[in-house]
Amino acid sequence: MPIQTINPATGKIEKTYVEFSKEEIKKSIHDTYESYLKWKGTDIKERSRLMKNAASVLRSKRNEYAFIITTEMGKPIKQSIAEVEKCAWVCEYFAENTERMLAKEIIETDASESYVEFSPLGVILAVMPWNFPFWQVFRFAAPSLMAGNAGLLKHASNVPMCALAIEQIFLNAGFPKNVFKTLLIGSEPVKDVIKEPIIKAATLTGSEPAGRKIAEVCGKELKKTVLELGGSDPFIVLDDADIKETAKMAVVARLINNGQSCIASKRFIVVEKIYDEFSDKFVKAMNDVKIGDPMDESVELGPIAREDLLYELDSLVKDSAAKGARILTGGKILAGKGFYYAPTILDNLKKGMPAFDDELFGPVASLIKVKDEEEAVRIANDSPFGLGASIWTSNIEKAKQMATEIESGSVFINGIVKSDPRLPFGGIKNSGYGRELSHYGIKEFVNIKSVWVK
């Protein structure tokens, strides 16, 4: 796939980039390592100062960066602005909390003194996706750089403007050159980058197949990985939920980021007592969504990020329908320029249908009827994925009991699943392993070293 910006709202090629040569890749890796050797000894307060500068740079050019995000992957401009703001938040959070998170931990043993200290690993490779082209990178970069590591970014090939802009943000904030470096490369050279002895670990946010490839190479090289992969998040509605409000939130939960989010709700599991009422309100709310130019601040749903992904989504919907799924609304590619798909709700689903088994990446909701909360939990867990889940009810104690039984990295009660710098983020099963964010995330890429003194 060429490295180029294709505006998904128009289908127009905006810019094309030349992929790095093997020599340029090797030089970038070497330059990053040389910068790391100096950076790892930088005082934590100086790192904090620079990371706060990065937050200021993000906020000062918020609209400019949002424009780039929307141009490259098509999310509504208001959501792009919010993404930039969230990146500034994660920079500030780790700038203010890393010293506490990585402070020496005193442990009482038979020694005169014993403690655990945390030191950087080295150069970390980040393989990042296009759907949150700023946020996914900053939630890796902020803790990793604050821990004293250096970062190499292999971004998705359809968001090169974002990739280069992020590198420049760190330079504008005063970080040493090459502490954070973008590699303009496709997927093929990634395995050779990982094999370089200078690379000490890799993190990937993306698809399950991509995660397996990265894990395979890193496994052979005995290098640490953190993988955040797909999700088919359940949105469980119990019979004591506020149906009107929950149906409205269901639309938001499914259509955020044009439906292209790992933690967007995808399976809407509703108890039979309220199923028909919820379904009617869900369909109406979905049909009320404003579709159009994502640069228009009133638009709620923009295009699919790439043309190939648009047709892939449509084929999965058609396959599900051919196997007996019922299309309550949508279910088609929209006419006109750009890569637009109609907001869609499917029901009458069963195992063997893509809409039941797989992660559909786009504005397509799978509506599933269950008898009660016990069956809701069983269906929620009947998935190869385990990233996030939400439960909607007025009975908080019951929801907390259900949350314990649900197999996922997070459960939100009466709220949409989201990432937060203060909470660990990641999944289980085929959704990956390891954690990002919080003190759990920053410790993924440090050497946890025991020191014993007599």
Protein backbone atom coordinates (compact mmCIF):
# COMPACT_ATOMS: atom_id res chain seq x y z
CA MET A 1 0.00 0.00 0.00
CA PRO A 2 1.52 3.38 -0.98
CA ILE A 3 2.17 5.96 1.70
CA GLN A 4 -0.29 8.66 0.77
CA THR A 5 -3.09 10.80 2.09
CA ILE A 6 -6.42 10.03 0.40
CA ASN A 7 -9.24 12.18 1.72
CA PRO A 8 -12.02 9.65 2.49
CA ALA A 9 -14.70 12.32 2.20
CA THR A 10 -13.80 12.97 -1.44
CA GLY A 11 -11.64 10.06 -2.59
CA LYS A 12 -9.02 12.60 -3.69
CA ILE A 13 -5.28 11.93 -3.25
CA GLU A 14 -4.00 14.87 -1.22
CA LYS A 15 -0.32 13.94 -0.90
CA THR A 16 2.06 11.07 -1.66
CA TYR A 17 5.29 10.29 0.20
CA VAL A 18 8.41 8.36 -0.73
CA GLU A 19 8.97 5.36 1.51
CA PHE A 20 12.23 5.27 3.45
CA SER A 21 15.05 3.25 1.87
CA LYS A 22 16.82 0.51 3.84
CA GLU A 23 19.68 2.93 4.44
CA GLU A 24 17.32 5.63 5.75
CA ILE A 25 15.66 3.10 8.06
CA LYS A 26 19.00 1.98 9.51
CA LYS A 27 20.13 5.57 9.96
CA SER A 28 16.88 6.48 11.73
CA ILE A 29 17.25 3.54 14.11
CA HIS A 30 20.88 4.42 14.84
CA ASP A 31 20.09 8.14 15.33
CA THR A 32 17.28 7.28 17.75
CA TYR A 33 19.57 5.02 19.75
CA GLU A 34 22.25 7.73 19.98
CA SER A 35 19.63 10.16 21.22
CA TYR A 36 18.34 7.60 23.73
CA LEU A 37 21.81 7.22 25.30
CA LYS A 38 21.67 10.88 26.32
CA TRP A 39 17.92 11.04 27.01
CA LYS A 40 17.87 8.19 29.54
CA GLY A 41 20.08 10.23 31.88
CA THR A 42 17.94 13.37 31.63
CA ASP A 43 16.51 14.43 34.98
CA ILE A 44 12.85 13.50 35.44
CA LYS A 45 11.95 17.14 36.11
CA GLU A 46 13.41 18.16 32.76
CA ARG A 47 11.50 15.39 31.00
CA SER A 48 8.37 16.64 32.75
CA ARG A 49 8.98 20.20 31.62
CA LEU A 50 9.34 19.12 28.00
CA MET A 51 6.26 16.89 28.13
CA LYS A 52 4.21 19.82 29.45
CA ASN A 53 5.59 21.83 26.53
CA ALA A 54 4.25 19.14 24.18
CA ALA A 55 0.81 19.60 25.73
CA SER A 56 1.06 23.33 25.12
CA VAL A 57 2.09 22.82 21.49
CA LEU A 58 -0.89 20.51 20.97
CA ARG A 59 -3.32 23.04 22.40
CA SER A 60 -1.83 26.00 20.57
CA LYS A 61 -2.33 24.31 17.19
CA ARG A 62 -5.38 22.27 18.11
CA ASN A 63 -7.47 23.23 15.08
CA GLU A 64 -4.58 22.71 12.67
CA TYR A 65 -3.93 19.18 13.95
CA ALA A 66 -7.64 18.38 13.96
CA PHE A 67 -7.85 19.42 10.32
CA ILE A 68 -5.04 16.98 9.44
CA ILE A 69 -6.76 14.13 11.32
CA THR A 70 -10.10 14.68 9.59
CA THR A 71 -8.46 15.10 6.18
CA GLU A 72 -6.60 11.80 6.49
CA MET A 73 -9.14 9.49 8.15
CA GLY A 74 -12.47 11.27 7.99
CA LYS A 75 -13.75 11.55 11.55
CA PRO A 76 -16.04 14.53 12.32
CA ILE A 77 -13.96 17.61 13.04
CA LYS A 78 -15.37 18.00 16.57
CA GLN A 79 -14.11 14.52 17.41
CA SER A 80 -10.70 15.37 15.94
CA ILE A 81 -10.47 18.46 18.14
CA ALA A 82 -11.39 16.34 21.18
CA GLU A 83 -8.69 13.83 20.21
CA VAL A 84 -6.01 16.55 20.17
CA GLU A 85 -7.19 17.82 23.57
CA LYS A 86 -6.98 14.28 24.97
CA CYS A 87 -3.40 13.99 23.73
CA ALA A 88 -2.52 17.16 25.64
CA TRP A 89 -4.14 15.64 28.74
CA VAL A 90 -2.11 12.43 28.55
CA CYS A 91 1.09 14.46 28.17
CA GLU A 92 0.24 16.51 31.25
CA TYR A 93 -0.83 13.45 33.23
CA PHE A 94 2.45 11.60 32.79
CA ALA A 95 4.47 14.80 33.16
CA GLU A 96 2.88 15.26 36.59
CA ASN A 97 2.81 11.64 37.79
CA THR A 98 5.80 9.73 36.38
CA GLU A 99 8.16 10.67 39.19
CA ARG A 100 5.72 9.16 41.70
CA MET A 101 4.95 6.13 39.54
CA LEU A 102 8.60 5.22 39.02
CA ALA A 103 9.89 6.09 42.48
CA LYS A 104 12.02 3.43 44.18
CA GLU A 105 9.88 0.91 46.02
CA ILE A 106 11.37 -0.10 49.39
CA ILE A 107 10.86 -3.79 50.21
CA GLU A 108 11.54 -5.30 53.64
CA THR A 109 13.68 -8.45 53.30
CA ASP A 110 16.60 -10.09 55.11
CA ALA A 111 18.91 -7.49 53.54
CA SER A 112 20.14 -4.32 55.17
CA GLU A 113 18.39 -2.55 52.36
CA SER A 114 16.38 -3.80 49.40
CA TYR A 115 14.34 -1.98 46.86
CA VAL A 116 12.90 -2.10 43.36
CA GLU A 117 13.90 0.53 40.84
CA PHE A 118 12.59 1.21 37.35
CA SER A 119 14.90 2.02 34.45
CA PRO A 120 14.23 2.51 30.74
CA LEU A 121 14.60 -0.34 28.25
CA GLY A 122 15.84 1.62 25.24
CA VAL A 123 14.35 2.23 21.81
CA ILE A 124 10.71 1.08 21.55
CA LEU A 125 8.98 0.52 18.21
CA ALA A 126 5.34 1.63 18.04
CA VAL A 127 3.20 0.27 15.19
CA MET A 128 0.09 2.40 15.23
CA PRO A 129 -3.29 2.48 13.41
CA TRP A 130 -5.13 5.18 11.50
CA ASN A 131 -8.38 5.34 13.50
CA PHE A 132 -7.08 7.57 16.32
CA PRO A 133 -3.94 8.77 14.54
CA PHE A 134 -2.85 11.19 17.29
CA TRP A 135 -4.25 9.57 20.46
CA GLN A 136 -2.92 6.05 19.88
CA VAL A 137 0.57 7.47 19.40
CA PHE A 138 0.54 9.84 22.36
CA ARG A 139 -0.81 7.26 24.79
CA PHE A 140 2.33 5.26 23.94
CA ALA A 141 4.77 8.14 23.61
CA ALA A 142 3.94 10.15 26.74
CA PRO A 143 4.66 7.38 29.28
CA SER A 144 7.49 5.82 27.25
CA LEU A 145 9.42 9.05 26.82
CA MET A 146 8.78 10.07 30.42
CA ALA A 147 10.25 6.71 31.52
CA GLY A 148 13.44 7.55 29.62
CA ASN A 149 12.88 5.45 26.51
CA ALA A 150 13.11 6.66 22.92
CA GLY A 151 10.36 5.97 20.40
CA LEU A 152 10.26 4.93 16.76
CA LEU A 153 6.87 5.26 15.08
CA LYS A 154 5.67 3.15 12.17
CA HIS A 155 2.30 4.72 11.54
CA ALA A 156 -0.47 3.48 9.25
CA SER A 157 0.30 4.23 5.60
CA ASN A 158 -2.83 6.35 5.12
CA VAL A 159 -1.99 8.90 7.85
CA PRO A 160 1.56 10.11 7.02
CA MET A 161 0.70 13.76 7.64
CA CYS A 162 -0.30 12.87 11.20
CA ALA A 163 2.86 10.82 11.70
CA LEU A 164 5.16 13.65 10.62
CA ALA A 165 3.17 16.24 12.56
CA ILE A 166 3.60 14.24 15.79
CA GLU A 167 7.36 14.03 15.32
CA GLN A 168 7.43 17.79 14.81
CA ILE A 169 5.35 18.39 17.95
CA PHE A 170 8.05 16.82 20.11
CA LEU A 171 10.73 18.86 18.35
CA ASN A 172 8.73 22.06 18.82
CA ALA A 173 8.33 21.19 22.50
CA GLY A 174 12.13 21.12 22.88
CA PHE A 175 12.76 17.37 23.00
CA PRO A 176 16.18 16.34 21.68
CA LYS A 177 16.21 15.47 17.98
CA ASN A 178 15.44 11.78 17.27
CA VAL A 179 14.16 10.93 20.75
CA PHE A 180 10.91 10.39 18.90
CA LYS A 181 11.25 9.55 15.20
CA THR A 182 8.77 8.66 12.45
CA LEU A 183 9.62 5.93 9.95
CA LEU A 184 7.78 6.38 6.67
CA ILE A 185 7.56 2.69 5.82
CA GLY A 186 4.95 0.13 4.84
CA SER A 187 4.23 -3.13 6.65
CA GLU A 188 6.87 -5.27 4.96
CA PRO A 189 10.02 -3.72 6.54
CA VAL A 190 8.60 -3.88 10.09
CA LYS A 191 9.93 -7.38 10.82
CA ASP A 192 13.46 -6.29 9.90
CA VAL A 193 13.17 -3.23 12.13
CA ILE A 194 12.16 -5.46 15.05
CA LYS A 195 15.16 -7.71 14.42
CA GLU A 196 17.57 -4.81 14.85
CA PRO A 197 19.39 -5.34 18.20
CA ILE A 198 18.84 -1.68 19.05
CA ILE A 199 15.05 -2.22 19.21
CA LYS A 200 14.23 -3.52 22.69
CA ALA A 201 10.43 -3.88 22.54
CA ALA A 202 7.40 -3.25 20.35
CA THR A 203 3.85 -2.11 20.89
CA LEU A 204 1.04 -2.44 18.38
CA THR A 205 -2.49 -1.19 18.25
CA GLY A 206 -4.34 -2.68 15.31
CA SER A 207 -5.92 -5.78 13.88
CA GLU A 208 -5.66 -9.30 15.24
CA PRO A 209 -3.69 -10.57 12.17
CA ALA A 210 -1.21 -7.70 12.51
CA GLY A 211 -0.82 -8.45 16.21
CA ARG A 212 -0.05 -12.09 15.52
CA LYS A 213 2.67 -11.13 13.02
CA ILE A 214 4.32 -8.70 15.44
CA ALA A 215 4.11 -11.20 18.30
CA GLU A 216 5.65 -13.92 16.14
CA VAL A 217 8.67 -11.83 15.18
CA CYS A 218 9.14 -10.46 18.69
CA GLY A 219 8.78 -13.95 20.14
CA LYS A 220 11.61 -15.24 17.98
CA GLU A 221 13.72 -12.24 18.97
CA LEU A 222 12.75 -12.52 22.67
CA LYS A 223 11.48 -8.94 22.76
CA LYS A 224 8.70 -7.59 24.93
CA THR A 225 5.37 -6.71 23.28
CA VAL A 226 2.15 -4.97 24.22
CA LEU A 227 -0.75 -5.64 21.86
CA GLU A 228 -4.09 -3.81 21.75
CA LEU A 229 -6.11 -5.52 19.06
CA GLY A 230 -9.73 -5.79 18.00
CA GLY A 231 -12.87 -5.73 20.06
CA SER A 232 -16.50 -6.73 19.74
CA ASP A 233 -17.68 -4.89 22.81
CA PRO A 234 -21.04 -5.87 24.31
CA PHE A 235 -23.51 -3.13 25.24
CA ILE A 236 -25.86 -4.86 27.70
CA VAL A 237 -29.27 -3.31 28.36
CA LEU A 238 -31.29 -4.64 31.32
CA ASP A 239 -35.02 -4.17 31.73
CA ASP A 240 -34.69 -1.46 34.38
CA ALA A 241 -32.59 0.84 32.19
CA ASP A 242 -33.80 4.25 31.01
CA ILE A 243 -34.69 3.00 27.52
CA LYS A 244 -34.93 6.35 25.73
CA GLU A 245 -31.63 7.64 27.09
CA THR A 246 -29.88 4.30 26.64
CA ALA A 247 -30.97 4.03 23.00
CA LYS A 248 -29.56 7.51 22.40
CA MET A 249 -26.27 6.56 24.05
CA ALA A 250 -26.21 3.32 22.03
CA VAL A 251 -26.01 5.37 18.83
CA VAL A 252 -23.13 7.42 20.24
CA ALA A 253 -21.38 4.26 21.44
CA ARG A 254 -21.61 2.67 18.00
CA LEU A 255 -20.92 5.64 15.75
CA ILE A 256 -18.03 7.28 17.57
CA ASN A 257 -15.11 7.69 15.16
CA ASN A 258 -17.48 6.76 12.31
CA GLY A 259 -17.89 3.37 13.96
CA GLN A 260 -14.18 2.64 13.58
CA SER A 261 -13.03 2.17 17.15
CA CYS A 262 -11.82 -0.99 18.88
CA ILE A 263 -13.83 -0.02 21.95
CA ALA A 264 -16.95 1.13 20.12
CA SER A 265 -19.92 -0.96 21.22
CA LYS A 266 -20.72 -3.49 18.52
CA ARG A 267 -23.04 -6.13 20.05
CA PHE A 268 -26.15 -4.65 21.64
CA ILE A 269 -27.46 -7.33 23.99
CA VAL A 270 -30.97 -6.48 25.20
CA VAL A 271 -33.26 -8.44 27.51
CA GLU A 272 -36.46 -9.56 25.80
CA LYS A 273 -38.82 -7.65 28.13
CA ILE A 274 -37.75 -4.32 26.62
CA TYR A 275 -36.26 -5.54 23.34
CA ASP A 276 -38.97 -4.25 20.99
CA GLU A 277 -39.20 -0.83 22.64
CA PHE A 278 -35.42 -0.45 22.69
CA SER A 279 -35.12 -1.63 19.08
CA ASP A 280 -37.68 0.93 17.87
CA LYS A 281 -35.96 3.79 19.69
CA PHE A 282 -32.51 2.62 18.57
CA VAL A 283 -33.55 2.55 14.91
CA LYS A 284 -35.17 5.98 15.13
CA ALA A 285 -32.11 7.51 16.83
CA MET A 286 -29.81 5.91 14.24
CA ASN A 287 -31.91 7.30 11.39
CA ASP A 288 -31.73 10.80 12.89
CA VAL A 289 -27.92 10.92 12.63
CA LYS A 290 -26.57 13.67 10.37
CA ILE A 291 -24.20 12.32 7.71
CA GLY A 292 -21.98 14.50 5.55
CA ASP A 293 -18.74 16.44 5.19
CA PRO A 294 -16.71 15.71 8.35
CA MET A 295 -15.32 19.25 8.28
CA ASP A 296 -18.87 20.49 9.02
CA GLU A 297 -19.16 20.85 12.81
CA SER A 298 -22.81 19.77 12.75
CA VAL A 299 -22.04 16.41 11.09
CA GLU A 300 -22.17 13.35 13.35
CA LEU A 301 -21.04 10.63 10.92
CA GLY A 302 -18.35 10.90 8.29
CA PRO A 303 -16.86 8.40 5.83
CA ILE A 304 -15.08 5.08 6.26
CA ALA A 305 -11.32 5.74 6.27
CA ARG A 306 -10.42 3.79 3.11
CA GLU A 307 -12.26 2.53 0.04
CA ASP A 308 -11.13 -1.08 0.55
CA LEU A 309 -12.48 -1.01 4.10
CA LEU A 310 -15.81 0.34 2.85
CA TYR A 311 -16.31 -2.61 0.50
CA GLU A 312 -15.07 -5.08 3.09
CA LEU A 313 -17.66 -3.81 5.58
CA ASP A 314 -20.43 -4.00 2.98
CA SER A 315 -19.51 -7.59 2.12
CA LEU A 316 -19.71 -8.62 5.80
CA VAL A 317 -23.16 -7.05 6.13
CA LYS A 318 -24.34 -8.74 2.94
CA ASP A 319 -22.92 -12.08 4.10
CA SER A 320 -24.77 -11.78 7.41
CA ALA A 321 -28.01 -10.90 5.61
CA ALA A 322 -27.60 -13.84 3.24
CA LYS A 323 -27.34 -16.11 6.30
CA GLY A 324 -30.57 -14.80 7.78
CA ALA A 325 -29.77 -11.53 9.55
CA ARG A 326 -32.45 -8.88 9.24
CA ILE A 327 -31.50 -5.33 8.24
CA LEU A 328 -33.58 -2.94 10.37
CA THR A 329 -32.02 0.14 8.82
CA GLY A 330 -29.14 0.98 6.48
CA GLY A 331 -27.11 -1.89 5.11
CA LYS A 332 -25.71 -0.15 2.04
CA ILE A 333 -22.97 2.03 0.59
CA LEU A 334 -24.21 5.59 0.14
CA ALA A 335 -24.17 7.08 -3.36
CA GLY A 336 -21.93 10.02 -4.21
CA LYS A 337 -18.29 10.87 -3.67
CA GLY A 338 -16.34 9.59 -0.71
CA PHE A 339 -16.45 6.35 1.24
CA TYR A 340 -19.76 6.61 3.10
CA TYR A 341 -21.75 3.76 4.63
CA ALA A 342 -25.30 4.09 5.92
CA PRO A 343 -25.80 3.75 9.70
CA THR A 344 -26.95 0.15 10.03
CA ILE A 345 -28.69 -2.06 12.59
CA LEU A 346 -28.95 -5.83 12.14
CA ASP A 347 -30.93 -8.31 14.22
CA ASN A 348 -32.03 -11.96 14.05
CA LEU A 349 -28.38 -12.84 14.49
CA LYS A 350 -26.77 -16.18 15.30
CA LYS A 351 -23.38 -17.82 15.37
CA GLY A 352 -21.82 -18.26 11.96
CA MET A 353 -22.78 -14.76 10.84
CA PRO A 354 -20.02 -12.13 10.59
CA ALA A 355 -22.24 -9.65 12.46
CA PHE A 356 -22.37 -12.08 15.40
CA ASP A 357 -18.85 -13.54 15.37
CA ASP A 358 -16.56 -10.83 14.01
CA GLU A 359 -15.62 -7.22 14.59
CA LEU A 360 -17.38 -5.06 11.99
CA PHE A 361 -15.36 -1.85 11.70
CA GLY A 362 -17.86 0.78 10.72
CA PRO A 363 -21.34 2.12 11.59
CA VAL A 364 -23.00 -1.30 11.89
CA ALA A 365 -24.72 -2.42 15.11
CA SER A 366 -25.59 -6.04 15.95
CA LEU A 367 -28.80 -6.29 18.01
CA ILE A 368 -29.21 -9.47 20.06
CA LYS A 369 -32.21 -10.51 22.18
CA VAL A 370 -31.62 -12.44 25.43
CA LYS A 371 -33.89 -13.82 28.14
CA ASP A 372 -32.23 -12.25 31.19
CA GLU A 373 -28.97 -10.93 32.66
CA GLU A 374 -27.49 -14.43 33.00
CA GLU A 375 -27.89 -15.05 29.28
CA ALA A 376 -26.63 -11.53 28.59
CA VAL A 377 -23.34 -12.32 30.36
CA ARG A 378 -23.07 -15.66 28.54
CA ILE A 379 -23.55 -14.00 25.14
CA ALA A 380 -21.18 -11.17 26.08
CA ASN A 381 -18.47 -13.73 26.86
CA ASP A 382 -19.24 -15.80 23.75
CA SER A 383 -16.67 -13.92 21.70
CA PRO A 384 -13.00 -14.34 20.82
CA PHE A 385 -12.50 -10.73 21.94
CA GLY A 386 -12.35 -9.17 25.39
CA LEU A 387 -11.54 -5.48 25.22
CA GLY A 388 -14.40 -3.56 26.83
CA ALA A 389 -18.04 -3.88 27.84
CA SER A 390 -20.83 -1.68 29.16
CA ILE A 391 -23.90 -2.44 31.26
CA TRP A 392 -26.98 -0.18 31.37
CA THR A 393 -29.25 -0.53 34.39
CA SER A 394 -30.55 1.26 37.49
CA ASN A 395 -29.42 -1.66 39.68
CA ILE A 396 -25.77 -0.81 40.31
CA GLU A 397 -25.06 -3.72 42.65
CA LYS A 398 -26.36 -6.21 40.10
CA ALA A 399 -24.24 -4.53 37.41
CA LYS A 400 -21.12 -4.77 39.57
CA GLN A 401 -21.72 -8.50 40.03
CA MET A 402 -22.11 -8.88 36.27
CA ALA A 403 -18.95 -6.84 35.70
CA THR A 404 -16.98 -9.41 37.71
CA GLU A 405 -18.27 -12.18 35.44
CA ILE A 406 -17.64 -10.41 32.12
CA GLU A 407 -14.41 -11.37 30.34
CA SER A 408 -12.89 -8.07 29.23
CA GLY A 409 -10.21 -5.54 30.06
CA SER A 410 -12.76 -3.00 31.26
CA VAL A 411 -16.44 -2.73 32.14
CA PHE A 412 -18.33 0.56 32.23
CA ILE A 413 -21.64 0.77 34.08
CA ASN A 414 -24.07 3.35 32.63
CA GLY A 415 -21.31 4.86 30.55
CA ILE A 416 -19.64 4.41 27.17
CA VAL A 417 -16.33 2.54 27.19
CA LYS A 418 -13.41 4.96 26.86
CA SER A 419 -9.73 5.22 27.64
CA ASP A 420 -8.49 7.44 30.45
CA PRO A 421 -4.83 8.16 31.36
CA ARG A 422 -5.62 7.36 35.01
CA LEU A 423 -6.91 3.83 34.28
CA PRO A 424 -5.13 0.84 32.70
CA PHE A 425 -6.29 0.12 29.16
CA GLY A 426 -6.08 -3.16 27.24
CA GLY A 427 -7.78 -6.46 26.63
CA ILE A 428 -7.73 -10.22 27.04
CA LYS A 429 -8.29 -13.15 24.68
CA ASN A 430 -7.85 -12.10 21.04
CA SER A 431 -8.02 -8.45 22.02
CA GLY A 432 -4.37 -8.65 23.02
CA TYR A 433 -2.29 -8.43 26.17
CA GLY A 434 -0.42 -5.94 28.28
CA ARG A 435 -1.71 -2.57 29.39
CA GLU A 436 -1.34 1.04 28.36
CA LEU A 437 -1.91 4.15 30.48
CA SER A 438 -1.82 4.56 34.28
CA HIS A 439 1.09 3.22 36.37
CA TYR A 440 0.47 -0.23 34.91
CA GLY A 441 1.11 1.05 31.40
CA ILE A 442 4.28 3.00 32.09
CA LYS A 443 5.80 -0.08 33.73
CA GLU A 444 5.34 -2.24 30.60
CA PHE A 445 8.48 -0.77 29.03
CA VAL A 446 10.87 -0.42 31.96
CA ASN A 447 13.33 -2.80 33.58
CA ILE A 448 11.84 -3.67 36.97
CA LYS A 449 15.07 -4.20 38.85
CA SER A 450 15.54 -5.61 42.36
CA VAL A 451 18.49 -4.27 44.37
CA TRP A 452 19.63 -6.12 47.52
CA VAL A 453 22.21 -4.66 49.91
CA LYS A 454 23.94 -6.22 52.93
